[in-house]
Amino acid sequence: MANKQQLATLVTAYSYKSIGRELANDGKLPLEGMTMPKILDYFQKYPQELDVYIPRDPSFVFFQENHGASATGSLSVSLVAERSIATDQSLIPPGALAWCFSFDSRSCSFRRC
């Protein structure tokens, strides 16, 4: 099973950088006992800090606010719920078809998505 850093690298090709560790390095929160609820609570109290810390993690994926309009992909075509997927354009050309499977751990079998 991939850890968070490996998963971020696999998904975005950028190295994961811990926002919690960045908060600790800047003296905002103690590193000991750092948890996601503590990080979320910090950003609830100081929402302006999100703009400082989120960009420090290059693996973070940003989405564009669409104000209710349909979300579009890299080809400026509307995405289809449960059918559109994000891909690495260096591996799969934009607009290419993909055949996806998921593993169902309850039945120990693969199923088509």
PDB file of N, CA and C in Angstrom:
ATOM      1  N   MET A   1       0.848  -1.184   0.000  1.00  0.00           N
ATOM      2  CA  MET A   1       0.000   0.000   0.000  1.00  0.00           C
ATOM      3  C   MET A   1       0.889   1.240   0.000  1.00  0.00           C
ATOM      4  N   ALA A   2       0.608   2.176  -0.881  1.00  0.00           N
ATOM      5  CA  ALA A   2       1.390   3.398  -0.987  1.00  0.00           C
ATOM      6  C   ALA A   2       1.110   4.319   0.196  1.00  0.00           C
ATOM      7  N   ASN A   3       2.163   4.979   0.704  1.00  0.00           N
ATOM      8  CA  ASN A   3       1.930   5.980   1.734  1.00  0.00           C
ATOM      9  C   ASN A   3       1.510   7.281   1.068  1.00  0.00           C
ATOM     10  N   LYS A   4       1.172   8.289   1.862  1.00  0.00           N
ATOM     11  CA  LYS A   4       0.642   9.542   1.315  1.00  0.00           C
ATOM     12  C   LYS A   4       1.628  10.214   0.372  1.00  0.00           C
ATOM     13  N   GLN A   5       2.921  10.199   0.722  1.00  0.00           N
ATOM     14  CA  GLN A   5       3.918  10.835  -0.130  1.00  0.00           C
ATOM     15  C   GLN A   5       4.028  10.096  -1.464  1.00  0.00           C
ATOM     16  N   GLN A   6       4.052   8.763  -1.432  1.00  0.00           N
ATOM     17  CA  GLN A   6       4.124   7.993  -2.675  1.00  0.00           C
ATOM     18  C   GLN A   6       2.871   8.214  -3.510  1.00  0.00           C
ATOM     19  N   LEU A   7       1.706   8.235  -2.871  1.00  0.00           N
ATOM     20  CA  LEU A   7       0.456   8.424  -3.587  1.00  0.00           C
ATOM     21  C   LEU A   7       0.424   9.788  -4.261  1.00  0.00           C
ATOM     22  N   ALA A   8       0.862  10.834  -3.559  1.00  0.00           N
ATOM     23  CA  ALA A   8       0.885  12.170  -4.159  1.00  0.00           C
ATOM     24  C   ALA A   8       1.807  12.189  -5.369  1.00  0.00           C
ATOM     25  N   THR A   9       2.943  11.505  -5.246  1.00  0.00           N
ATOM     26  CA  THR A   9       3.882  11.462  -6.360  1.00  0.00           C
ATOM     27  C   THR A   9       3.279  10.705  -7.530  1.00  0.00           C
ATOM     28  N   LEU A  10       2.575   9.604  -7.259  1.00  0.00           N
ATOM     29  CA  LEU A  10       1.955   8.832  -8.325  1.00  0.00           C
ATOM     30  C   LEU A  10       0.856   9.621  -9.017  1.00  0.00           C
ATOM     31  N   VAL A  11       0.073  10.340  -8.253  1.00  0.00           N
ATOM     32  CA  VAL A  11      -1.079  11.040  -8.806  1.00  0.00           C
ATOM     33  C   VAL A  11      -0.689  12.321  -9.522  1.00  0.00           C
ATOM     34  N   THR A  12       0.226  13.099  -8.969  1.00  0.00           N
ATOM     35  CA  THR A  12       0.518  14.412  -9.538  1.00  0.00           C
ATOM     36  C   THR A  12       1.933  14.570 -10.079  1.00  0.00           C
ATOM     37  N   ALA A  13       2.805  13.617  -9.829  1.00  0.00           N
ATOM     38  CA  ALA A  13       4.214  13.680 -10.217  1.00  0.00           C
ATOM     39  C   ALA A  13       4.982  14.752  -9.446  1.00  0.00           C
ATOM     40  N   TYR A  14       4.390  15.333  -8.408  1.00  0.00           N
ATOM     41  CA  TYR A  14       5.063  16.290  -7.550  1.00  0.00           C
ATOM     42  C   TYR A  14       5.217  15.674  -6.174  1.00  0.00           C
ATOM     43  N   SER A  15       6.314  15.973  -5.513  1.00  0.00           N
ATOM     44  CA  SER A  15       6.565  15.439  -4.175  1.00  0.00           C
ATOM     45  C   SER A  15       5.603  16.040  -3.159  1.00  0.00           C
ATOM     46  N   TYR A  16       5.162  15.209  -2.231  1.00  0.00           N
ATOM     47  CA  TYR A  16       4.288  15.645  -1.143  1.00  0.00           C
ATOM     48  C   TYR A  16       5.104  16.407  -0.112  1.00  0.00           C
ATOM     49  N   LYS A  17       4.570  17.496   0.386  1.00  0.00           N
ATOM     50  CA  LYS A  17       5.198  18.257   1.465  1.00  0.00           C
ATOM     51  C   LYS A  17       4.135  18.449   2.540  1.00  0.00           C
ATOM     52  N   SER A  18       4.423  18.025   3.749  1.00  0.00           N
ATOM     53  CA  SER A  18       3.465  18.046   4.849  1.00  0.00           C
ATOM     54  C   SER A  18       3.134  19.469   5.289  1.00  0.00           C
ATOM     55  N   ILE A  19       1.874  19.819   5.206  1.00  0.00           N
ATOM     56  CA  ILE A  19       1.425  21.133   5.673  1.00  0.00           C
ATOM     57  C   ILE A  19       1.521  21.196   7.192  1.00  0.00           C
ATOM     58  N   GLY A  20       1.246  20.066   7.858  1.00  0.00           N
ATOM     59  CA  GLY A  20       1.388  20.018   9.310  1.00  0.00           C
ATOM     60  C   GLY A  20       2.813  20.303   9.747  1.00  0.00           C
ATOM     61  N   ARG A  21       3.772  19.715   9.032  1.00  0.00           N
ATOM     62  CA  ARG A  21       5.185  19.961   9.356  1.00  0.00           C
ATOM     63  C   ARG A  21       5.547  21.421   9.074  1.00  0.00           C
ATOM     64  N   GLU A  22       4.998  21.986   8.020  1.00  0.00           N
ATOM     65  CA  GLU A  22       5.251  23.398   7.718  1.00  0.00           C
ATOM     66  C   GLU A  22       4.695  24.295   8.823  1.00  0.00           C
ATOM     67  N   LEU A  23       3.499  23.976   9.318  1.00  0.00           N
ATOM     68  CA  LEU A  23       2.925  24.743  10.430  1.00  0.00           C
ATOM     69  C   LEU A  23       3.822  24.642  11.662  1.00  0.00           C
ATOM     70  N   ALA A  24       4.345  23.433  11.919  1.00  0.00           N
ATOM     71  CA  ALA A  24       5.231  23.240  13.069  1.00  0.00           C
ATOM     72  C   ALA A  24       6.546  23.992  12.859  1.00  0.00           C
ATOM     73  N   ASN A  25       7.110  23.927  11.655  1.00  0.00           N
ATOM     74  CA  ASN A  25       8.371  24.631  11.377  1.00  0.00           C
ATOM     75  C   ASN A  25       8.236  26.139  11.590  1.00  0.00           C
ATOM     76  N   ASP A  26       7.033  26.667  11.327  1.00  0.00           N
ATOM     77  CA  ASP A  26       6.792  28.100  11.501  1.00  0.00           C
ATOM     78  C   ASP A  26       6.321  28.448  12.914  1.00  0.00           C
ATOM     79  N   GLY A  27       6.260  27.441  13.811  1.00  0.00           N
ATOM     80  CA  GLY A  27       5.864  27.693  15.190  1.00  0.00           C
ATOM     81  C   GLY A  27       4.367  27.925  15.380  1.00  0.00           C
ATOM     82  N   LYS A  28       3.559  27.555  14.421  1.00  0.00           N
ATOM     83  CA  LYS A  28       2.108  27.760  14.522  1.00  0.00           C
ATOM     84  C   LYS A  28       1.436  26.669  15.343  1.00  0.00           C
ATOM     85  N   LEU A  29       1.922  25.438  15.210  1.00  0.00           N
ATOM     86  CA  LEU A  29       1.405  24.286  15.958  1.00  0.00           C
ATOM     87  C   LEU A  29       2.583  23.409  16.362  1.00  0.00           C
ATOM     88  N   PRO A  30       2.484  22.688  17.500  1.00  0.00           N
ATOM     89  CA  PRO A  30       3.573  21.774  17.865  1.00  0.00           C
ATOM     90  C   PRO A  30       3.538  20.524  16.978  1.00  0.00           C
ATOM     91  N   LEU A  31       4.704  20.053  16.574  1.00  0.00           N
ATOM     92  CA  LEU A  31       4.771  18.858  15.730  1.00  0.00           C
ATOM     93  C   LEU A  31       4.304  17.623  16.491  1.00  0.00           C
ATOM     94  N   GLU A  32       4.646  17.548  17.763  1.00  0.00           N
ATOM     95  CA  GLU A  32       4.225  16.409  18.578  1.00  0.00           C
ATOM     96  C   GLU A  32       2.705  16.436  18.732  1.00  0.00           C
ATOM     97  N   GLY A  33       2.077  15.345  18.396  1.00  0.00           N
ATOM     98  CA  GLY A  33       0.623  15.254  18.510  1.00  0.00           C
ATOM     99  C   GLY A  33      -0.120  15.910  17.359  1.00  0.00           C
ATOM    100  N   MET A  34       0.589  16.220  16.270  1.00  0.00           N
ATOM    101  CA  MET A  34      -0.052  16.842  15.099  1.00  0.00           C
ATOM    102  C   MET A  34      -1.050  15.860  14.497  1.00  0.00           C
ATOM    103  N   THR A  35      -2.275  16.321  14.296  1.00  0.00           N
ATOM    104  CA  THR A  35      -3.316  15.497  13.681  1.00  0.00           C
ATOM    105  C   THR A  35      -4.069  16.333  12.657  1.00  0.00           C
ATOM    106  N   MET A  36      -4.763  15.666  11.763  1.00  0.00           N
ATOM    107  CA  MET A  36      -5.560  16.383  10.768  1.00  0.00           C
ATOM    108  C   MET A  36      -6.625  17.253  11.440  1.00  0.00           C
ATOM    109  N   PRO A  37      -7.335  16.771  12.480  1.00  0.00           N
ATOM    110  CA  PRO A  37      -8.308  17.653  13.138  1.00  0.00           C
ATOM    111  C   PRO A  37      -7.673  18.934  13.690  1.00  0.00           C
ATOM    112  N   LYS A  38      -6.441  18.846  14.203  1.00  0.00           N
ATOM    113  CA  LYS A  38      -5.762  20.045  14.720  1.00  0.00           C
ATOM    114  C   LYS A  38      -5.415  21.000  13.577  1.00  0.00           C
ATOM    115  N   ILE A  39      -4.982  20.438  12.461  1.00  0.00           N
ATOM    116  CA  ILE A  39      -4.661  21.273  11.294  1.00  0.00           C
ATOM    117  C   ILE A  39      -5.921  21.954  10.776  1.00  0.00           C
ATOM    118  N   LEU A  40      -7.006  21.200  10.653  1.00  0.00           N
ATOM    119  CA  LEU A  40      -8.269  21.777  10.181  1.00  0.00           C
ATOM    120  C   LEU A  40      -8.785  22.849  11.129  1.00  0.00           C
ATOM    121  N   ASP A  41      -8.654  22.606  12.434  1.00  0.00           N
ATOM    122  CA  ASP A  41      -9.083  23.590  13.426  1.00  0.00           C
ATOM    123  C   ASP A  41      -8.262  24.878  13.286  1.00  0.00           C
ATOM    124  N   TYR A  42      -6.960  24.735  13.047  1.00  0.00           N
ATOM    125  CA  TYR A  42      -6.109  25.909  12.859  1.00  0.00           C
ATOM    126  C   TYR A  42      -6.605  26.736  11.674  1.00  0.00           C
ATOM    127  N   PHE A  43      -6.893  26.071  10.554  1.00  0.00           N
ATOM    128  CA  PHE A  43      -7.326  26.800   9.364  1.00  0.00           C
ATOM    129  C   PHE A  43      -8.760  27.332   9.489  1.00  0.00           C
ATOM    130  N   GLN A  44      -9.564  26.738  10.371  1.00  0.00           N
ATOM    131  CA  GLN A  44     -10.889  27.308  10.664  1.00  0.00           C
ATOM    132  C   GLN A  44     -10.713  28.638  11.392  1.00  0.00           C
ATOM    133  N   LYS A  45      -9.738  28.690  12.295  1.00  0.00           N
ATOM    134  CA  LYS A  45      -9.479  29.911  13.060  1.00  0.00           C
ATOM    135  C   LYS A  45      -8.744  30.970  12.236  1.00  0.00           C
ATOM    136  N   TYR A  46      -7.881  30.524  11.326  1.00  0.00           N
ATOM    137  CA  TYR A  46      -7.045  31.435  10.527  1.00  0.00           C
ATOM    138  C   TYR A  46      -7.158  31.100   9.038  1.00  0.00           C
ATOM    139  N   PRO A  47      -8.332  31.298   8.444  1.00  0.00           N
ATOM    140  CA  PRO A  47      -8.528  30.909   7.043  1.00  0.00           C
ATOM    141  C   PRO A  47      -7.590  31.625   6.072  1.00  0.00           C
ATOM    142  N   GLN A  48      -7.142  32.816   6.410  1.00  0.00           N
ATOM    143  CA  GLN A  48      -6.230  33.548   5.539  1.00  0.00           C
ATOM    144  C   GLN A  48      -4.888  32.827   5.396  1.00  0.00           C
ATOM    145  N   GLU A  49      -4.563  31.972   6.340  1.00  0.00           N
ATOM    146  CA  GLU A  49      -3.304  31.228   6.309  1.00  0.00           C
ATOM    147  C   GLU A  49      -3.308  30.126   5.244  1.00  0.00           C
ATOM    148  N   LEU A  50      -4.481  29.722   4.780  1.00  0.00           N
ATOM    149  CA  LEU A  50      -4.543  28.698   3.732  1.00  0.00           C
ATOM    150  C   LEU A  50      -3.743  29.124   2.508  1.00  0.00           C
ATOM    151  N   ASP A  51      -3.833  30.402   2.158  1.00  0.00           N
ATOM    152  CA  ASP A  51      -3.116  30.901   0.982  1.00  0.00           C
ATOM    153  C   ASP A  51      -1.600  30.882   1.174  1.00  0.00           C
ATOM    154  N   VAL A  52      -1.163  30.793   2.424  1.00  0.00           N
ATOM    155  CA  VAL A  52       0.273  30.724   2.718  1.00  0.00           C
ATOM    156  C   VAL A  52       0.754  29.279   2.671  1.00  0.00           C
ATOM    157  N   TYR A  53      -0.034  28.361   3.231  1.00  0.00           N
ATOM    158  CA  TYR A  53       0.433  26.988   3.414  1.00  0.00           C
ATOM    159  C   TYR A  53       0.076  26.030   2.278  1.00  0.00           C
ATOM    160  N   ILE A  54      -1.077  26.157   1.679  1.00  0.00           N
ATOM    161  CA  ILE A  54      -1.459  25.229   0.604  1.00  0.00           C
ATOM    162  C   ILE A  54      -0.437  25.252  -0.537  1.00  0.00           C
ATOM    163  N   PRO A  55       0.020  26.405  -1.001  1.00  0.00           N
ATOM    164  CA  PRO A  55       0.998  26.396  -2.102  1.00  0.00           C
ATOM    165  C   PRO A  55       2.344  25.760  -1.754  1.00  0.00           C
ATOM    166  N   ARG A  56       2.612  25.550  -0.487  1.00  0.00           N
ATOM    167  CA  ARG A  56       3.885  24.931  -0.097  1.00  0.00           C
ATOM    168  C   ARG A  56       3.927  23.445  -0.450  1.00  0.00           C
ATOM    169  N   ASP A  57       2.770  22.837  -0.642  1.00  0.00           N
ATOM    170  CA  ASP A  57       2.713  21.426  -1.030  1.00  0.00           C
ATOM    171  C   ASP A  57       2.461  21.347  -2.531  1.00  0.00           C
ATOM    172  N   PRO A  58       3.508  21.110  -3.323  1.00  0.00           N
ATOM    173  CA  PRO A  58       3.335  21.103  -4.774  1.00  0.00           C
ATOM    174  C   PRO A  58       2.457  19.968  -5.273  1.00  0.00           C
ATOM    175  N   SER A  59       2.190  18.957  -4.434  1.00  0.00           N
ATOM    176  CA  SER A  59       1.344  17.850  -4.877  1.00  0.00           C
ATOM    177  C   SER A  59      -0.138  18.171  -4.752  1.00  0.00           C
ATOM    178  N   PHE A  60      -0.471  19.295  -4.097  1.00  0.00           N
ATOM    179  CA  PHE A  60      -1.869  19.669  -3.919  1.00  0.00           C
ATOM    180  C   PHE A  60      -2.491  19.976  -5.271  1.00  0.00           C
ATOM    181  N   VAL A  61      -3.648  19.399  -5.531  1.00  0.00           N
ATOM    182  CA  VAL A  61      -4.333  19.591  -6.811  1.00  0.00           C
ATOM    183  C   VAL A  61      -5.374  20.695  -6.649  1.00  0.00           C
ATOM    184  N   PHE A  62      -5.282  21.704  -7.494  1.00  0.00           N
ATOM    185  CA  PHE A  62      -6.208  22.825  -7.430  1.00  0.00           C
ATOM    186  C   PHE A  62      -7.316  22.665  -8.465  1.00  0.00           C
ATOM    187  N   PHE A  63      -8.494  23.070  -8.098  1.00  0.00           N
ATOM    188  CA  PHE A  63      -9.619  23.088  -9.014  1.00  0.00           C
ATOM    189  C   PHE A  63     -10.082  24.521  -9.164  1.00  0.00           C
ATOM    190  N   GLN A  64     -10.638  24.830 -10.283  1.00  0.00           N
ATOM    191  CA  GLN A  64     -11.104  26.182 -10.561  1.00  0.00           C
ATOM    192  C   GLN A  64     -12.564  26.310 -10.137  1.00  0.00           C
ATOM    193  N   GLU A  65     -12.896  27.378  -9.427  1.00  0.00           N
ATOM    194  CA  GLU A  65     -14.272  27.632  -9.037  1.00  0.00           C
ATOM    195  C   GLU A  65     -15.088  27.946 -10.289  1.00  0.00           C
ATOM    196  N   ASN A  66     -16.263  27.302 -10.404  1.00  0.00           N
ATOM    197  CA  ASN A  66     -17.046  27.470 -11.637  1.00  0.00           C
ATOM    198  C   ASN A  66     -18.384  28.164 -11.427  1.00  0.00           C
ATOM    199  N   HIS A  67     -18.691  28.564 -10.202  1.00  0.00           N
ATOM    200  CA  HIS A  67     -19.910  29.324  -9.892  1.00  0.00           C
ATOM    201  C   HIS A  67     -21.164  28.670 -10.464  1.00  0.00           C
ATOM    202  N   GLY A  68     -21.271  27.347 -10.351  1.00  0.00           N
ATOM    203  CA  GLY A  68     -22.460  26.618 -10.778  1.00  0.00           C
ATOM    204  C   GLY A  68     -22.430  26.110 -12.199  1.00  0.00           C
ATOM    205  N   ALA A  69     -21.468  26.542 -12.998  1.00  0.00           N
ATOM    206  CA  ALA A  69     -21.370  26.042 -14.372  1.00  0.00           C
ATOM    207  C   ALA A  69     -20.794  24.626 -14.349  1.00  0.00           C
ATOM    208  N   SER A  70     -20.989  23.899 -15.425  1.00  0.00           N
ATOM    209  CA  SER A  70     -20.446  22.546 -15.522  1.00  0.00           C
ATOM    210  C   SER A  70     -18.925  22.579 -15.425  1.00  0.00           C
ATOM    211  N   ALA A  71     -18.392  21.613 -14.725  1.00  0.00           N
ATOM    212  CA  ALA A  71     -16.936  21.474 -14.664  1.00  0.00           C
ATOM    213  C   ALA A  71     -16.449  20.981 -16.019  1.00  0.00           C
ATOM    214  N   THR A  72     -15.297  21.487 -16.440  1.00  0.00           N
ATOM    215  CA  THR A  72     -14.746  21.071 -17.726  1.00  0.00           C
ATOM    216  C   THR A  72     -13.356  20.484 -17.535  1.00  0.00           C
ATOM    217  N   GLY A  73     -12.988  19.617 -18.458  1.00  0.00           N
ATOM    218  CA  GLY A  73     -11.676  18.990 -18.422  1.00  0.00           C
ATOM    219  C   GLY A  73     -10.668  19.765 -19.253  1.00  0.00           C
ATOM    220  N   SER A  74      -9.530  19.139 -19.505  1.00  0.00           N
ATOM    221  CA  SER A  74      -8.441  19.809 -20.213  1.00  0.00           C
ATOM    222  C   SER A  74      -8.790  20.144 -21.661  1.00  0.00           C
ATOM    223  N   LEU A  75      -9.800  19.497 -22.217  1.00  0.00           N
ATOM    224  CA  LEU A  75     -10.225  19.787 -23.589  1.00  0.00           C
ATOM    225  C   LEU A  75     -11.389  20.781 -23.627  1.00  0.00           C
ATOM    226  N   SER A  76     -11.690  21.392 -22.478  1.00  0.00           N
ATOM    227  CA  SER A  76     -12.813  22.337 -22.339  1.00  0.00           C
ATOM    228  C   SER A  76     -14.152  21.698 -22.672  1.00  0.00           C
ATOM    229  N   VAL A  77     -14.260  20.410 -22.409  1.00  0.00           N
ATOM    230  CA  VAL A  77     -15.501  19.657 -22.597  1.00  0.00           C
ATOM    231  C   VAL A  77     -16.061  19.348 -21.215  1.00  0.00           C
ATOM    232  N   SER A  78     -17.397  19.444 -21.045  1.00  0.00           N
ATOM    233  CA  SER A  78     -18.011  19.169 -19.747  1.00  0.00           C
ATOM    234  C   SER A  78     -17.665  17.766 -19.262  1.00  0.00           C
ATOM    235  N   LEU A  79     -17.351  17.670 -17.976  1.00  0.00           N
ATOM    236  CA  LEU A  79     -17.068  16.371 -17.373  1.00  0.00           C
ATOM    237  C   LEU A  79     -18.371  15.649 -17.081  1.00  0.00           C
ATOM    238  N   VAL A  80     -18.330  14.330 -17.101  1.00  0.00           N
ATOM    239  CA  VAL A  80     -19.503  13.499 -16.859  1.00  0.00           C
ATOM    240  C   VAL A  80     -19.313  12.806 -15.519  1.00  0.00           C
ATOM    241  N   ALA A  81     -20.261  12.994 -14.601  1.00  0.00           N
ATOM    242  CA  ALA A  81     -20.178  12.388 -13.274  1.00  0.00           C
ATOM    243  C   ALA A  81     -20.013  10.878 -13.384  1.00  0.00           C
ATOM    244  N   GLU A  82     -19.116  10.328 -12.586  1.00  0.00           N
ATOM    245  CA  GLU A  82     -18.818   8.904 -12.504  1.00  0.00           C
ATOM    246  C   GLU A  82     -18.277   8.310 -13.797  1.00  0.00           C
ATOM    247  N   ARG A  83     -17.883   9.148 -14.737  1.00  0.00           N
ATOM    248  CA  ARG A  83     -17.332   8.654 -16.005  1.00  0.00           C
ATOM    249  C   ARG A  83     -16.043   9.370 -16.396  1.00  0.00           C
ATOM    250  N   SER A  84     -15.877  10.628 -16.022  1.00  0.00           N
ATOM    251  CA  SER A  84     -14.663  11.369 -16.352  1.00  0.00           C
ATOM    252  C   SER A  84     -13.599  11.078 -15.296  1.00  0.00           C
ATOM    253  N   ILE A  85     -12.364  10.928 -15.734  1.00  0.00           N
ATOM    254  CA  ILE A  85     -11.265  10.653 -14.810  1.00  0.00           C
ATOM    255  C   ILE A  85     -10.115  11.618 -15.076  1.00  0.00           C
ATOM    256  N   ALA A  86      -9.331  11.863 -14.046  1.00  0.00           N
ATOM    257  CA  ALA A  86      -8.121  12.668 -14.199  1.00  0.00           C
ATOM    258  C   ALA A  86      -6.990  11.743 -14.608  1.00  0.00           C
ATOM    259  N   THR A  87      -6.156  12.183 -15.540  1.00  0.00           N
ATOM    260  CA  THR A  87      -5.033  11.367 -15.994  1.00  0.00           C
ATOM    261  C   THR A  87      -3.784  12.225 -16.119  1.00  0.00           C
ATOM    262  N   ASP A  88      -2.662  11.569 -16.193  1.00  0.00           N
ATOM    263  CA  ASP A  88      -1.391  12.225 -16.461  1.00  0.00           C
ATOM    264  C   ASP A  88      -1.256  12.305 -17.976  1.00  0.00           C
ATOM    265  N   GLN A  89      -1.265  13.517 -18.521  1.00  0.00           N
ATOM    266  CA  GLN A  89      -1.238  13.692 -19.967  1.00  0.00           C
ATOM    267  C   GLN A  89       0.038  13.164 -20.607  1.00  0.00           C
ATOM    268  N   SER A  90       1.089  12.957 -19.823  1.00  0.00           N
ATOM    269  CA  SER A  90       2.308  12.396 -20.397  1.00  0.00           C
ATOM    270  C   SER A  90       2.170  10.889 -20.612  1.00  0.00           C
ATOM    271  N   LEU A  91       1.162  10.279 -19.986  1.00  0.00           N
ATOM    272  CA  LEU A  91       0.943   8.836 -20.118  1.00  0.00           C
ATOM    273  C   LEU A  91      -0.291   8.504 -20.944  1.00  0.00           C
ATOM    274  N   ILE A  92      -1.331   9.307 -20.805  1.00  0.00           N
ATOM    275  CA  ILE A  92      -2.594   9.071 -21.510  1.00  0.00           C
ATOM    276  C   ILE A  92      -2.972  10.358 -22.226  1.00  0.00           C
ATOM    277  N   PRO A  93      -3.066  10.340 -23.534  1.00  0.00           N
ATOM    278  CA  PRO A  93      -3.391  11.566 -24.275  1.00  0.00           C
ATOM    279  C   PRO A  93      -4.772  12.107 -23.912  1.00  0.00           C
ATOM    280  N   PRO A  94      -4.957  13.422 -23.913  1.00  0.00           N
ATOM    281  CA  PRO A  94      -6.279  14.001 -23.645  1.00  0.00           C
ATOM    282  C   PRO A  94      -7.327  13.429 -24.605  1.00  0.00           C
ATOM    283  N   GLY A  95      -8.474  13.063 -24.060  1.00  0.00           N
ATOM    284  CA  GLY A  95      -9.559  12.537 -24.874  1.00  0.00           C
ATOM    285  C   GLY A  95      -9.486  11.046 -25.122  1.00  0.00           C
ATOM    286  N   ALA A  96      -8.410  10.391 -24.659  1.00  0.00           N
ATOM    287  CA  ALA A  96      -8.276   8.949 -24.877  1.00  0.00           C
ATOM    288  C   ALA A  96      -9.300   8.190 -24.035  1.00  0.00           C
ATOM    289  N   LEU A  97      -9.679   7.030 -24.509  1.00  0.00           N
ATOM    290  CA  LEU A  97     -10.582   6.159 -23.753  1.00  0.00           C
ATOM    291  C   LEU A  97      -9.768   5.376 -22.734  1.00  0.00           C
ATOM    292  N   ALA A  98     -10.369   5.102 -21.591  1.00  0.00           N
ATOM    293  CA  ALA A  98      -9.700   4.319 -20.554  1.00  0.00           C
ATOM    294  C   ALA A  98     -10.647   3.245 -20.054  1.00  0.00           C
ATOM    295  N   TRP A  99     -10.105   2.102 -19.762  1.00  0.00           N
ATOM    296  CA  TRP A  99     -10.869   0.995 -19.204  1.00  0.00           C
ATOM    297  C   TRP A  99     -10.425   0.861 -17.762  1.00  0.00           C
ATOM    298  N   CYS A 100     -11.318   1.108 -16.819  1.00  0.00           N
ATOM    299  CA  CYS A 100     -10.956   1.145 -15.401  1.00  0.00           C
ATOM    300  C   CYS A 100     -11.573  -0.011 -14.644  1.00  0.00           C
ATOM    301  N   PHE A 101     -10.831  -0.512 -13.679  1.00  0.00           N
ATOM    302  CA  PHE A 101     -11.305  -1.551 -12.790  1.00  0.00           C
ATOM    303  C   PHE A 101     -11.035  -1.104 -11.364  1.00  0.00           C
ATOM    304  N   SER A 102     -11.875  -1.547 -10.448  1.00  0.00           N
ATOM    305  CA  SER A 102     -11.610  -1.321  -9.034  1.00  0.00           C
ATOM    306  C   SER A 102     -11.644  -2.669  -8.336  1.00  0.00           C
ATOM    307  N   PHE A 103     -10.972  -2.755  -7.213  1.00  0.00           N
ATOM    308  CA  PHE A 103     -10.920  -3.999  -6.460  1.00  0.00           C
ATOM    309  C   PHE A 103     -11.901  -3.923  -5.306  1.00  0.00           C
ATOM    310  N   ASP A 104     -12.800  -4.880  -5.226  1.00  0.00           N
ATOM    311  CA  ASP A 104     -13.769  -4.958  -4.143  1.00  0.00           C
ATOM    312  C   ASP A 104     -13.198  -5.890  -3.078  1.00  0.00           C
ATOM    313  N   SER A 105     -12.726  -5.318  -1.980  1.00  0.00           N
ATOM    314  CA  SER A 105     -12.079  -6.126  -0.942  1.00  0.00           C
ATOM    315  C   SER A 105     -13.047  -7.060  -0.232  1.00  0.00           C
ATOM    316  N   ARG A 106     -14.338  -6.725  -0.259  1.00  0.00           N
ATOM    317  CA  ARG A 106     -15.315  -7.604   0.401  1.00  0.00           C
ATOM    318  C   ARG A 106     -15.472  -8.916  -0.353  1.00  0.00           C
ATOM    319  N   SER A 107     -15.486  -8.850  -1.673  1.00  0.00           N
ATOM    320  CA  SER A 107     -15.654 -10.077  -2.459  1.00  0.00           C
ATOM    321  C   SER A 107     -14.335 -10.566  -3.056  1.00  0.00           C
ATOM    322  N   CYS A 108     -13.246  -9.824  -2.770  1.00  0.00           N
ATOM    323  CA  CYS A 108     -11.924 -10.144  -3.311  1.00  0.00           C
ATOM    324  C   CYS A 108     -11.959 -10.310  -4.828  1.00  0.00           C
ATOM    325  N   SER A 109     -12.604  -9.368  -5.475  1.00  0.00           N
ATOM    326  CA  SER A 109     -12.706  -9.448  -6.940  1.00  0.00           C
ATOM    327  C   SER A 109     -12.600  -8.055  -7.545  1.00  0.00           C
ATOM    328  N   PHE A 110     -12.279  -8.034  -8.819  1.00  0.00           N
ATOM    329  CA  PHE A 110     -12.227  -6.797  -9.564  1.00  0.00           C
ATOM    330  C   PHE A 110     -13.597  -6.544 -10.200  1.00  0.00           C
ATOM    331  N   ARG A 111     -13.944  -5.285 -10.342  1.00  0.00           N
ATOM    332  CA  ARG A 111     -15.179  -4.943 -11.032  1.00  0.00           C
ATOM    333  C   ARG A 111     -14.927  -3.750 -11.930  1.00  0.00           C
ATOM    334  N   ARG A 112     -15.679  -3.693 -13.002  1.00  0.00           N
ATOM    335  CA  ARG A 112     -15.559  -2.568 -13.929  1.00  0.00           C
ATOM    336  C   ARG A 112     -16.173  -1.342 -13.284  1.00  0.00           C
ATOM    337  N   CYS A 113     -15.544  -0.182 -13.449  1.00  0.00           N
ATOM    338  CA  CYS A 113     -16.051   1.071 -12.875  1.00  0.00           C
ATOM    339  C   CYS A 113     -17.110   1.668 -13.760  1.00  0.00           C
TER     340      CYS A 113
END
